[in-house]
């Protein structure tokens, strides 16, 4: 592009920006102030309805230029209809390239008006319907693929997902009435008074078709004589198979006599015992940390942590200095077993809050030292869990300092004859331990971690990630000749800080949304 063409493009962009700004100001000038009325209780605005076509033309191809000013201007006017006309076309029309960034800006702007993510969905019903269909499609057609017992396991306790999946099962030429009836049975008899409007809409759409669903399910079951559900249950048991050969298995890859000891921590008393255990560890102990998150409803929102996995190992118990990587099967077989804890982060009441406070202390302290694959995302997910649990922002840690597993293993692997340093945990396992992690279908990665008790395959999946983290770290330390954590240099550590609440990347998008 020549300099003249670049300048001409700049002028066109600036002229377009001014035109849009003037148009918004013109529409704004026609409004009488409605400030003070709750956003989601306002009737449709007659001014915006009268100028509907102009607004559609104005914002139909809008991709974010000068967005902050215009969204906040709508906030000053206090018109929910105008705000929806501003943000819904942006959310629906954001380009594939940089679309996530655009949507994050929308969320941040709307957050400045005091609206949460569930408010945003309630405000923009067309976009909410689009997200509902995408979410349900990912669960029904990509994750469980018609296996209704598995679908029940995955969405139980999450009214929005239940309704979204039920509505999706009714689409197409052959509605899946049996699955939709199962979704109806999972819904509570009544929704809490503070249930967001977007959730109520999804639930109401499903319940309005209850008569049709029940009749269709009876007819289908009569034709099939119940055999379909039996086949599905059998298929489910086959899908939750043991970890395939060739992948890291806590039961088969080590001389541990089966699974290592796993302790479930779900109340303040069990967490106190965990803290006592951690405080008694020697200086040579290392804690591998991982977290499992809630699935997200909109792809640009923060996710909330649901489960914390800890794997504790004394690095002195790892084989002698100078290990060759990747390990041979014989050396892998001889590695010592870590002690594993699974901590429920979703607990309610004072017990749940006490546990989250304890996890905050653990993450904030420097002892025992922690190693993690990449703590930044897990740290954000834990902060989001604290906010969603109404614990108060003061309970969230302000900083966490951990050994970065990729930084630790990189110099150890550079001593090997080939290859670039791996980044993902499975790749690191293959490079260090000699076998990758199993992340394929049926591994448990996309499980419902909120639904206690955890099934055996979930416990094994969660424990394996934490154990792999600490084992890879201990083996890398041995390969580098480190005798203790104190020898790990500063450049291999990572500090993660929590931004002030007013500067959170997204304004509590899941707040108030009973998923």
Protein backbone atom coordinates (compact mmCIF):
# COMPACT_ATOMS: atom_id res chain seq x y z
CA UNK A 1 0.00 0.00 0.00
CA UNK A 2 1.40 3.38 -1.01
CA UNK A 3 1.62 6.32 1.36
CA UNK A 4 -1.20 8.08 -0.54
CA UNK A 5 -3.44 5.00 -0.31
CA UNK A 6 -2.68 4.65 3.37
CA UNK A 7 -3.56 8.29 3.99
CA UNK A 8 -6.79 7.96 2.02
CA UNK A 9 -7.75 4.90 4.04
CA UNK A 10 -7.03 6.76 7.26
CA UNK A 11 -9.28 9.63 6.13
CA UNK A 12 -12.11 7.24 5.26
CA UNK A 13 -11.85 5.52 8.63
CA UNK A 14 -11.85 8.84 10.46
CA UNK A 15 -14.80 10.14 8.43
CA UNK A 16 -16.72 6.94 9.12
CA UNK A 17 -15.95 7.24 12.83
CA UNK A 18 -17.23 10.81 12.94
CA UNK A 19 -20.35 9.89 10.98
CA UNK A 20 -21.19 7.11 13.39
CA UNK A 21 -20.49 9.26 16.42
CA UNK A 22 -22.70 12.04 15.08
CA UNK A 23 -25.46 9.56 14.31
CA UNK A 24 -25.34 8.13 17.83
CA UNK A 25 -25.43 11.63 19.27
CA UNK A 26 -28.43 12.44 17.08
CA UNK A 27 -30.31 9.38 18.32
CA UNK A 28 -29.23 10.20 21.86
CA UNK A 29 -30.60 13.70 21.54
CA UNK A 30 -34.07 12.35 20.79
CA UNK A 31 -34.23 10.45 24.06
CA UNK A 32 -35.67 11.60 27.29
CA UNK A 33 -33.44 10.43 30.12
CA UNK A 34 -34.53 7.16 31.67
CA UNK A 35 -31.66 6.95 34.12
CA UNK A 36 -32.58 5.25 37.36
CA UNK A 37 -34.72 2.53 35.78
CA UNK A 38 -33.10 -0.93 35.98
CA UNK A 39 -31.64 -1.90 32.63
CA UNK A 40 -33.49 -5.19 32.29
CA UNK A 41 -36.87 -3.84 33.41
CA UNK A 42 -37.19 -1.06 30.84
CA UNK A 43 -39.96 -1.29 28.23
CA UNK A 44 -39.00 -1.09 24.57
CA UNK A 45 -37.89 2.43 23.65
CA UNK A 46 -40.23 4.17 21.18
CA UNK A 47 -37.43 6.38 19.86
CA UNK A 48 -35.19 3.40 19.07
CA UNK A 49 -38.09 1.45 17.57
CA UNK A 50 -38.96 4.39 15.33
CA UNK A 51 -35.36 4.62 14.12
CA UNK A 52 -34.82 0.84 14.00
CA UNK A 53 -33.76 0.67 10.35
CA UNK A 54 -31.32 3.56 10.71
CA UNK A 55 -29.79 1.92 13.76
CA UNK A 56 -29.46 -1.41 11.96
CA UNK A 57 -27.71 0.28 9.05
CA UNK A 58 -25.54 2.30 11.39
CA UNK A 59 -24.28 -0.58 13.50
CA UNK A 60 -24.70 -3.59 11.21
CA UNK A 61 -21.05 -3.62 10.10
CA UNK A 62 -19.61 -1.91 13.16
CA UNK A 63 -16.48 -3.73 14.39
CA UNK A 64 -15.41 -1.77 17.41
CA UNK A 65 -14.05 1.63 16.33
CA UNK A 66 -14.83 4.23 18.98
CA UNK A 67 -16.93 1.59 20.72
CA UNK A 68 -16.06 2.54 24.28
CA UNK A 69 -17.29 6.11 23.88
CA UNK A 70 -20.54 5.09 22.21
CA UNK A 71 -21.42 2.32 24.64
CA UNK A 72 -20.78 4.58 27.60
CA UNK A 73 -22.83 7.31 25.90
CA UNK A 74 -25.74 4.88 25.76
CA UNK A 75 -25.12 4.29 29.44
CA UNK A 76 -25.36 8.00 30.15
CA UNK A 77 -28.70 8.11 28.34
CA UNK A 78 -29.76 5.01 30.25
CA UNK A 79 -31.62 3.43 27.32
CA UNK A 80 -31.40 -0.37 27.30
CA UNK A 81 -32.79 -0.57 23.76
CA UNK A 82 -30.10 1.76 22.43
CA UNK A 83 -27.42 -0.15 24.31
CA UNK A 84 -28.63 -3.40 22.79
CA UNK A 85 -28.62 -1.83 19.31
CA UNK A 86 -25.01 -0.86 19.94
CA UNK A 87 -23.58 -4.07 21.31
CA UNK A 88 -25.58 -6.94 19.77
CA UNK A 89 -24.42 -6.34 16.16
CA UNK A 90 -20.84 -6.17 17.43
CA UNK A 91 -21.16 -9.46 19.31
CA UNK A 92 -22.81 -11.23 16.39
CA UNK A 93 -20.73 -9.67 13.62
CA UNK A 94 -17.25 -9.69 15.15
CA UNK A 95 -14.81 -11.08 12.57
CA UNK A 96 -13.11 -14.43 13.03
CA UNK A 97 -9.77 -12.64 13.19
CA UNK A 98 -9.55 -10.59 16.39
CA UNK A 99 -13.21 -11.35 17.15
CA UNK A 100 -12.40 -12.44 20.69
CA UNK A 101 -10.63 -9.14 21.34
CA UNK A 102 -13.64 -7.18 20.09
CA UNK A 103 -16.00 -9.16 22.33
CA UNK A 104 -13.74 -8.65 25.33
CA UNK A 105 -13.93 -4.90 24.73
CA UNK A 106 -17.72 -5.11 24.59
CA UNK A 107 -17.78 -7.03 27.87
CA UNK A 108 -15.42 -4.55 29.52
CA UNK A 109 -17.49 -1.56 28.35
CA UNK A 110 -20.74 -3.11 29.49
CA UNK A 111 -19.11 -3.95 32.80
CA UNK A 112 -18.42 -0.26 33.36
CA UNK A 113 -22.18 0.24 33.33
CA UNK A 114 -22.57 -2.24 36.19
CA UNK A 115 -23.84 -5.09 34.02
CA UNK A 116 -22.64 -8.69 34.32
CA UNK A 117 -22.25 -11.28 31.59
CA UNK A 118 -25.65 -12.79 32.35
CA UNK A 119 -27.13 -9.26 32.07
CA UNK A 120 -25.45 -8.95 28.69
CA UNK A 121 -27.10 -12.16 27.50
CA UNK A 122 -30.45 -11.03 28.88
CA UNK A 123 -30.06 -7.67 27.14
CA UNK A 124 -29.20 -9.26 23.76
CA UNK A 125 -31.66 -12.14 23.20
CA UNK A 126 -30.59 -12.85 19.61
CA UNK A 127 -26.96 -13.19 20.64
CA UNK A 128 -27.99 -15.23 23.70
CA UNK A 129 -29.89 -17.65 21.44
CA UNK A 130 -26.84 -17.96 19.18
CA UNK A 131 -24.58 -18.70 22.15
CA UNK A 132 -27.12 -21.13 23.60
CA UNK A 133 -27.18 -23.12 20.36
CA UNK A 134 -23.38 -23.14 20.06
CA UNK A 135 -22.96 -24.24 23.65
CA UNK A 136 -25.52 -27.03 23.37
CA UNK A 137 -24.10 -28.18 20.04
CA UNK A 138 -20.64 -28.48 21.58
CA UNK A 139 -22.04 -30.63 24.38
CA UNK A 140 -24.58 -32.77 22.51
CA UNK A 141 -22.89 -33.30 19.15
CA UNK A 142 -19.20 -32.98 19.98
CA UNK A 143 -18.82 -34.19 23.56
CA UNK A 144 -21.48 -36.82 24.32
CA UNK A 145 -22.68 -37.43 20.73
CA UNK A 146 -26.12 -38.77 21.53
CA UNK A 147 -25.19 -40.67 24.69
CA UNK A 148 -27.99 -39.52 26.99
CA UNK A 149 -26.67 -41.02 30.26
CA UNK A 150 -23.38 -39.21 29.66
CA UNK A 151 -25.29 -36.01 28.83
CA UNK A 152 -27.17 -36.26 32.14
CA UNK A 153 -23.87 -36.62 34.00
CA UNK A 154 -22.37 -33.63 32.24
CA UNK A 155 -25.16 -31.06 32.66
CA UNK A 156 -26.80 -32.06 35.97
CA UNK A 157 -27.02 -29.11 38.33
CA UNK A 158 -26.61 -26.54 35.55
CA UNK A 159 -30.08 -25.27 34.53
CA UNK A 160 -28.82 -23.20 31.62
CA UNK A 161 -26.98 -26.11 30.01
CA UNK A 162 -29.89 -28.46 30.73
CA UNK A 163 -32.34 -26.16 28.94
CA UNK A 164 -29.96 -25.36 26.08
CA UNK A 165 -29.35 -29.05 25.37
CA UNK A 166 -33.04 -29.88 25.69
CA UNK A 167 -33.95 -27.17 23.17
CA UNK A 168 -31.27 -28.34 20.74
CA UNK A 169 -32.49 -31.94 20.91
CA UNK A 170 -35.88 -30.74 19.63
CA UNK A 171 -34.45 -29.24 16.45
CA UNK A 172 -34.01 -31.00 13.12
CA UNK A 173 -36.20 -33.42 11.22
CA UNK A 174 -36.15 -36.06 13.95
CA UNK A 175 -36.54 -34.46 17.40
CA UNK A 176 -34.86 -36.46 20.16
CA UNK A 177 -37.80 -36.56 22.56
CA UNK A 178 -36.24 -39.10 24.94
CA UNK A 179 -33.19 -36.92 25.51
CA UNK A 180 -35.34 -33.78 25.81
CA UNK A 181 -37.52 -35.54 28.42
CA UNK A 182 -34.39 -36.36 30.43
CA UNK A 183 -33.44 -32.69 30.33
CA UNK A 184 -36.90 -31.70 31.58
CA UNK A 185 -36.50 -34.11 34.50
CA UNK A 186 -33.22 -32.42 35.48
CA UNK A 187 -34.76 -28.95 35.80
CA UNK A 188 -35.73 -27.76 39.30
CA UNK A 189 -39.44 -27.37 39.96
CA UNK A 190 -38.93 -23.61 40.27
CA UNK A 191 -36.03 -21.30 39.53
CA UNK A 192 -34.60 -18.97 42.18
CA UNK A 193 -35.97 -15.42 42.09
CA UNK A 194 -32.59 -14.02 41.05
CA UNK A 195 -32.22 -16.34 38.04
CA UNK A 196 -31.02 -14.26 35.07
CA UNK A 197 -33.49 -13.52 32.31
CA UNK A 198 -31.37 -15.36 29.71
CA UNK A 199 -31.63 -18.57 31.75
CA UNK A 200 -35.38 -18.14 32.30
CA UNK A 201 -35.92 -17.71 28.56
CA UNK A 202 -34.06 -20.93 27.77
CA UNK A 203 -35.92 -22.88 30.47
CA UNK A 204 -39.32 -21.45 29.46
CA UNK A 205 -38.77 -22.42 25.80
CA UNK A 206 -38.19 -26.01 26.84
CA UNK A 207 -41.07 -26.18 29.32
CA UNK A 208 -43.56 -24.75 26.81
CA UNK A 209 -43.10 -27.94 24.78
CA UNK A 210 -43.38 -30.35 27.72
CA UNK A 211 -46.60 -31.99 26.52
CA UNK A 212 -45.15 -32.62 23.07
CA UNK A 213 -41.89 -33.90 24.60
CA UNK A 214 -43.56 -36.35 27.00
CA UNK A 215 -45.83 -37.77 24.32
CA UNK A 216 -42.98 -38.10 21.83
CA UNK A 217 -40.77 -39.80 24.42
CA UNK A 218 -43.49 -42.33 25.30
CA UNK A 219 -44.01 -43.22 21.64
CA UNK A 220 -40.29 -43.55 21.00
CA UNK A 221 -39.69 -45.75 24.06
CA UNK A 222 -42.66 -47.95 23.12
CA UNK A 223 -41.18 -48.50 19.65
CA UNK A 224 -37.69 -49.22 20.96
CA UNK A 225 -38.81 -51.21 24.02
CA UNK A 226 -36.18 -49.47 26.16
CA UNK A 227 -33.26 -51.03 24.27
CA UNK A 228 -31.71 -47.73 23.23
CA UNK A 229 -30.93 -46.64 26.79
CA UNK A 230 -29.42 -50.04 27.57
CA UNK A 231 -27.13 -49.72 24.57
CA UNK A 232 -26.19 -46.19 25.60
CA UNK A 233 -25.32 -47.27 29.13
CA UNK A 234 -23.12 -50.03 27.70
CA UNK A 235 -21.47 -47.58 25.30
CA UNK A 236 -20.82 -45.20 28.20
CA UNK A 237 -19.01 -47.91 30.15
CA UNK A 238 -16.89 -48.68 27.09
CA UNK A 239 -16.06 -45.02 26.51
CA UNK A 240 -14.73 -44.62 30.05
CA UNK A 241 -12.07 -47.19 29.34
CA UNK A 242 -8.70 -47.33 31.09
CA UNK A 243 -5.90 -45.12 29.79
CA UNK A 244 -4.77 -46.74 26.50
CA UNK A 245 -1.37 -48.37 26.21
CA UNK A 246 1.38 -45.98 25.22
CA UNK A 247 0.17 -43.18 27.52
CA UNK A 248 1.13 -42.28 31.08
CA UNK A 249 -0.94 -44.32 33.53
CA UNK A 250 -0.65 -43.98 37.29
CA UNK A 251 -1.75 -47.61 37.58
CA UNK A 252 0.54 -49.20 34.96
CA UNK A 253 3.54 -46.95 34.28
CA UNK A 254 5.02 -47.16 37.80
CA UNK A 255 5.87 -49.78 40.39
CA UNK A 256 3.28 -48.41 42.80
CA UNK A 257 0.97 -51.40 43.09
CA UNK A 258 -1.94 -49.48 41.57
CA UNK A 259 -3.17 -45.93 42.01
CA UNK A 260 -1.29 -43.72 44.51
CA UNK A 261 -3.16 -42.56 47.59
CA UNK A 262 -5.67 -39.82 46.70
CA UNK A 263 -7.25 -37.74 49.48
CA UNK A 264 -10.53 -35.90 48.85
CA UNK A 265 -10.69 -32.48 50.56
CA UNK A 266 -14.20 -31.03 50.71
CA UNK A 267 -14.67 -29.29 54.08
CA UNK A 268 -12.77 -27.10 56.52
CA UNK A 269 -11.74 -30.05 58.72
CA UNK A 270 -10.17 -31.99 55.85
CA UNK A 271 -8.47 -28.83 54.60
CA UNK A 272 -6.99 -28.24 58.06
CA UNK A 273 -5.50 -31.73 57.89
CA UNK A 274 -4.08 -30.90 54.46
CA UNK A 275 -2.52 -27.70 55.81
CA UNK A 276 -1.01 -29.63 58.73
CA UNK A 277 0.49 -32.12 56.27
CA UNK A 278 1.93 -29.37 54.05
CA UNK A 279 3.41 -27.53 57.03
CA UNK A 280 5.26 -30.68 58.10
CA UNK A 281 6.99 -31.23 54.75
CA UNK A 282 10.79 -31.12 54.51
CA UNK A 283 12.53 -28.33 52.60
CA UNK A 284 13.12 -30.74 49.71
CA UNK A 285 9.38 -31.19 49.08
CA UNK A 286 7.75 -29.88 45.92
CA UNK A 287 4.02 -29.50 45.18
CA UNK A 288 2.68 -29.93 41.66
CA UNK A 289 -0.49 -27.89 41.13
CA UNK A 290 -3.23 -28.05 38.51
CA UNK A 291 -6.87 -26.94 38.37
CA UNK A 292 -9.97 -28.05 36.54
CA UNK A 293 -12.35 -25.33 35.39
CA UNK A 294 -16.04 -24.89 34.79
CA UNK A 295 -16.92 -24.96 31.09
CA UNK A 296 -17.55 -21.49 29.73
CA UNK A 297 -20.77 -20.40 28.08
CA UNK A 298 -19.28 -17.58 26.01
CA UNK A 299 -15.87 -18.12 24.53
CA UNK A 300 -14.47 -14.76 25.69
CA UNK A 301 -15.36 -15.01 29.36
CA UNK A 302 -13.24 -15.92 32.34
CA UNK A 303 -13.70 -19.46 33.61
CA UNK A 304 -14.04 -20.41 37.24
CA UNK A 305 -11.92 -23.11 38.88
CA UNK A 306 -13.85 -26.05 40.32
CA UNK A 307 -11.15 -28.47 41.46
CA UNK A 308 -7.59 -28.00 42.76
CA UNK A 309 -5.16 -30.91 42.36
CA UNK A 310 -2.01 -31.15 44.48
CA UNK A 311 0.73 -33.77 44.06
CA UNK A 312 3.42 -33.70 46.77
CA UNK A 313 6.85 -35.29 46.26
CA UNK A 314 10.21 -35.16 48.03
CA UNK A 315 12.59 -34.45 45.15
CA UNK A 316 15.38 -36.32 46.98
CA UNK A 317 13.51 -39.55 46.26
CA UNK A 318 13.93 -39.14 42.51
CA UNK A 319 16.72 -41.06 40.79
CA UNK A 320 20.30 -39.85 40.92
CA UNK A 321 21.81 -36.81 39.24
CA UNK A 322 22.45 -36.85 35.52
CA UNK A 323 19.32 -38.64 34.27
CA UNK A 324 19.08 -38.98 30.51
CA UNK A 325 15.85 -37.65 29.00
CA UNK A 326 13.44 -38.98 28.05
CA UNK A 327 13.46 -41.62 30.75
CA UNK A 328 13.62 -45.26 29.82
CA UNK A 329 10.62 -47.40 30.84
CA UNK A 330 12.74 -49.04 33.56
CA UNK A 331 13.69 -45.72 35.15
CA UNK A 332 10.09 -44.46 34.86
CA UNK A 333 8.92 -47.66 36.59
CA UNK A 334 11.22 -46.96 39.54
CA UNK A 335 10.07 -43.37 40.28
CA UNK A 336 8.59 -42.70 43.72
CA UNK A 337 4.88 -42.10 44.16
CA UNK A 338 3.63 -38.61 45.07
CA UNK A 339 0.89 -37.99 47.64
CA UNK A 340 -2.17 -36.57 45.87
CA UNK A 341 -4.97 -34.32 47.15
CA UNK A 342 -8.11 -33.24 45.27
CA UNK A 343 -9.66 -30.06 46.73
CA UNK A 344 -13.28 -29.10 46.00
CA UNK A 345 -13.39 -25.35 45.28
CA UNK A 346 -17.16 -25.04 44.79
CA UNK A 347 -18.28 -25.81 48.36
CA UNK A 348 -20.99 -23.56 49.77
CA UNK A 349 -21.40 -21.95 53.17
CA UNK A 350 -18.73 -21.24 55.73
CA UNK A 351 -16.96 -24.54 55.05
CA UNK A 352 -16.56 -23.73 51.36
CA UNK A 353 -15.37 -20.23 52.12
CA UNK A 354 -12.85 -21.53 54.68
CA UNK A 355 -11.40 -23.88 52.06
CA UNK A 356 -11.08 -21.14 49.45
CA UNK A 357 -9.38 -18.94 52.05
CA UNK A 358 -7.00 -21.82 52.75
CA UNK A 359 -6.23 -22.23 49.04
CA UNK A 360 -5.57 -18.48 48.88
CA UNK A 361 -3.02 -18.86 51.67
CA UNK A 362 -1.42 -21.81 49.90
CA UNK A 363 -1.08 -19.89 46.63
CA UNK A 364 0.20 -16.75 48.34
CA UNK A 365 2.84 -18.49 50.49
CA UNK A 366 6.30 -19.39 49.23
CA UNK A 367 6.35 -22.63 51.27
CA UNK A 368 5.95 -25.33 50.27
CA UNK A 369 7.22 -24.39 46.80
CA UNK A 370 4.78 -24.95 43.94
CA UNK A 371 5.44 -26.02 40.36
CA UNK A 372 2.82 -25.56 37.64
CA UNK A 373 2.57 -25.72 33.87
CA UNK A 374 1.26 -22.17 33.52
CA UNK A 375 -0.19 -20.60 36.63
CA UNK A 376 -1.59 -17.41 35.10
CA UNK A 377 -4.79 -18.96 33.70
CA UNK A 378 -5.37 -21.17 36.75
CA UNK A 379 -4.82 -18.18 39.03
CA UNK A 380 -7.41 -16.15 37.11
CA UNK A 381 -9.83 -19.10 37.25
CA UNK A 382 -9.42 -19.34 41.02
CA UNK A 383 -9.96 -15.57 41.42
CA UNK A 384 -13.15 -15.94 39.37
CA UNK A 385 -14.30 -18.79 41.64
CA UNK A 386 -13.79 -16.57 44.70
CA UNK A 387 -15.86 -13.80 43.10
CA UNK A 388 -18.66 -16.14 42.00
CA UNK A 389 -18.82 -17.69 45.47
CA UNK A 390 -19.57 -14.30 47.07
CA UNK A 391 -16.56 -14.75 49.34
CA UNK A 392 -15.53 -11.17 48.75
CA UNK A 393 -12.53 -10.00 46.78
CA UNK A 394 -10.51 -9.67 49.96
CA UNK A 395 -10.34 -13.48 50.19
CA UNK A 396 -8.52 -13.78 46.86
CA UNK A 397 -4.70 -13.83 46.89
CA UNK A 398 -2.98 -10.83 45.33
CA UNK A 399 0.05 -12.72 44.04
CA UNK A 400 1.27 -16.24 43.44
CA UNK A 401 4.88 -17.29 42.82
CA UNK A 402 5.58 -20.73 41.34
CA UNK A 403 8.26 -22.64 39.50
CA UNK A 404 7.33 -22.62 35.81
CA UNK A 405 7.48 -26.19 34.51
CA UNK A 406 8.27 -25.16 30.89
CA UNK A 407 11.11 -22.90 32.09
CA UNK A 408 12.46 -25.65 34.34
CA UNK A 409 12.51 -28.41 31.73
CA UNK A 410 13.76 -26.27 28.82
CA UNK A 411 17.48 -26.29 29.79
CA UNK A 412 17.31 -29.98 30.70
CA UNK A 413 15.91 -30.81 27.26
CA UNK A 414 18.42 -28.57 25.48
CA UNK A 415 21.05 -31.00 26.69
CA UNK A 416 19.33 -33.66 24.62
CA UNK A 417 20.25 -34.21 20.96
CA UNK A 418 17.18 -32.83 19.22
CA UNK A 419 14.03 -30.79 19.28
CA UNK A 420 12.50 -27.58 20.48
CA UNK A 421 11.34 -27.29 24.09
CA UNK A 422 7.74 -28.55 24.46
CA UNK A 423 5.04 -26.31 25.99
CA UNK A 424 1.97 -28.43 26.77
CA UNK A 425 1.90 -30.87 29.68
CA UNK A 426 1.43 -33.92 27.44
CA UNK A 427 4.38 -32.91 25.25
CA UNK A 428 6.52 -32.23 28.33
CA UNK A 429 5.62 -35.67 29.72
CA UNK A 430 6.65 -37.32 26.48
CA UNK A 431 9.94 -35.39 26.37
CA UNK A 432 10.80 -35.96 30.05
CA UNK A 433 9.08 -39.18 31.15
CA UNK A 434 9.02 -40.87 27.75
CA UNK A 435 5.22 -41.18 27.43
CA UNK A 436 2.52 -38.55 26.70
CA UNK A 437 -0.71 -37.93 28.59
CA UNK A 438 -3.98 -39.29 27.25
CA UNK A 439 -6.25 -36.37 26.26
CA UNK A 440 -8.49 -38.20 23.79
CA UNK A 441 -12.20 -38.99 23.83
CA UNK A 442 -13.39 -40.36 27.15
CA UNK A 443 -10.41 -39.08 29.14
CA UNK A 444 -12.59 -36.97 31.46
CA UNK A 445 -11.16 -33.58 30.53
CA UNK A 446 -14.59 -32.05 29.86
CA UNK A 447 -16.32 -33.62 32.84
CA UNK A 448 -18.83 -31.98 35.16
CA UNK A 449 -16.42 -31.23 37.99
CA UNK A 450 -19.25 -29.65 40.03
CA UNK A 451 -21.15 -32.93 40.34
CA UNK A 452 -19.98 -34.88 43.42
CA UNK A 453 -18.88 -37.48 44.03
CA UNK A 454 -16.22 -37.59 41.34
CA UNK A 455 -16.26 -40.78 39.32
CA UNK A 456 -13.19 -43.01 39.21
CA UNK A 457 -12.14 -41.88 35.73
CA UNK A 458 -12.40 -38.23 36.85
CA UNK A 459 -10.24 -38.89 39.90
CA UNK A 460 -7.63 -40.63 37.78
CA UNK A 461 -7.60 -37.86 35.16
CA UNK A 462 -7.27 -35.09 37.77
CA UNK A 463 -4.63 -36.97 39.77
CA UNK A 464 -2.59 -37.76 36.65
CA UNK A 465 -2.20 -34.12 35.63
CA UNK A 466 -0.91 -33.09 39.06
CA UNK A 467 1.33 -36.15 39.41
CA UNK A 468 2.78 -35.64 35.93
CA UNK A 469 3.57 -32.01 36.78
CA UNK A 470 5.55 -32.78 39.93
CA UNK A 471 7.27 -35.87 38.46
CA UNK A 472 8.42 -33.98 35.35
CA UNK A 473 9.72 -31.17 37.58
CA UNK A 474 11.60 -33.53 39.90
CA UNK A 475 13.15 -35.47 36.99
CA UNK A 476 14.20 -32.23 35.26
CA UNK A 477 15.79 -30.99 38.50
CA UNK A 478 17.73 -34.24 38.78
CA UNK A 479 18.85 -34.01 35.15
CA UNK A 480 20.11 -30.47 35.83
CA UNK A 481 21.92 -31.54 38.98
CA UNK A 482 19.69 -29.58 41.39
CA UNK A 483 19.68 -31.23 44.82
CA UNK A 484 16.95 -28.99 46.26
CA UNK A 485 14.36 -26.41 45.26
CA UNK A 486 16.66 -23.70 46.66
CA UNK A 487 18.98 -24.32 43.71
CA UNK A 488 16.31 -23.49 41.12
CA UNK A 489 17.37 -20.10 39.67
CA UNK A 490 15.09 -17.08 39.66
CA UNK A 491 14.53 -17.09 35.90
CA UNK A 492 12.74 -20.44 36.24
CA UNK A 493 10.16 -18.95 38.61
CA UNK A 494 6.98 -17.15 37.58
CA UNK A 495 5.08 -14.45 39.49
CA UNK A 496 1.38 -13.98 38.78
CA UNK A 497 -0.40 -10.92 40.15
CA UNK A 498 -4.08 -10.19 40.51
CA UNK A 499 -5.17 -6.86 39.03
CA UNK A 500 -7.29 -4.55 41.19
CA UNK A 501 -10.97 -5.45 41.09
CA UNK A 502 -11.70 -2.37 39.02
CA UNK A 503 -9.25 -3.55 36.38
CA UNK A 504 -10.37 -7.15 36.01
CA UNK A 505 -10.17 -8.20 32.39
CA UNK A 506 -13.85 -9.12 32.28
CA UNK A 507 -16.59 -7.94 34.64
CA UNK A 508 -17.71 -11.17 36.28
CA UNK A 509 -19.36 -12.59 33.20
CA UNK A 510 -20.71 -15.65 35.01
CA UNK A 511 -21.89 -13.69 38.05
CA UNK A 512 -25.39 -14.74 39.04
CA UNK A 513 -25.63 -17.35 36.31
CA UNK A 514 -26.62 -20.74 37.79
CA UNK A 515 -24.88 -23.06 35.37
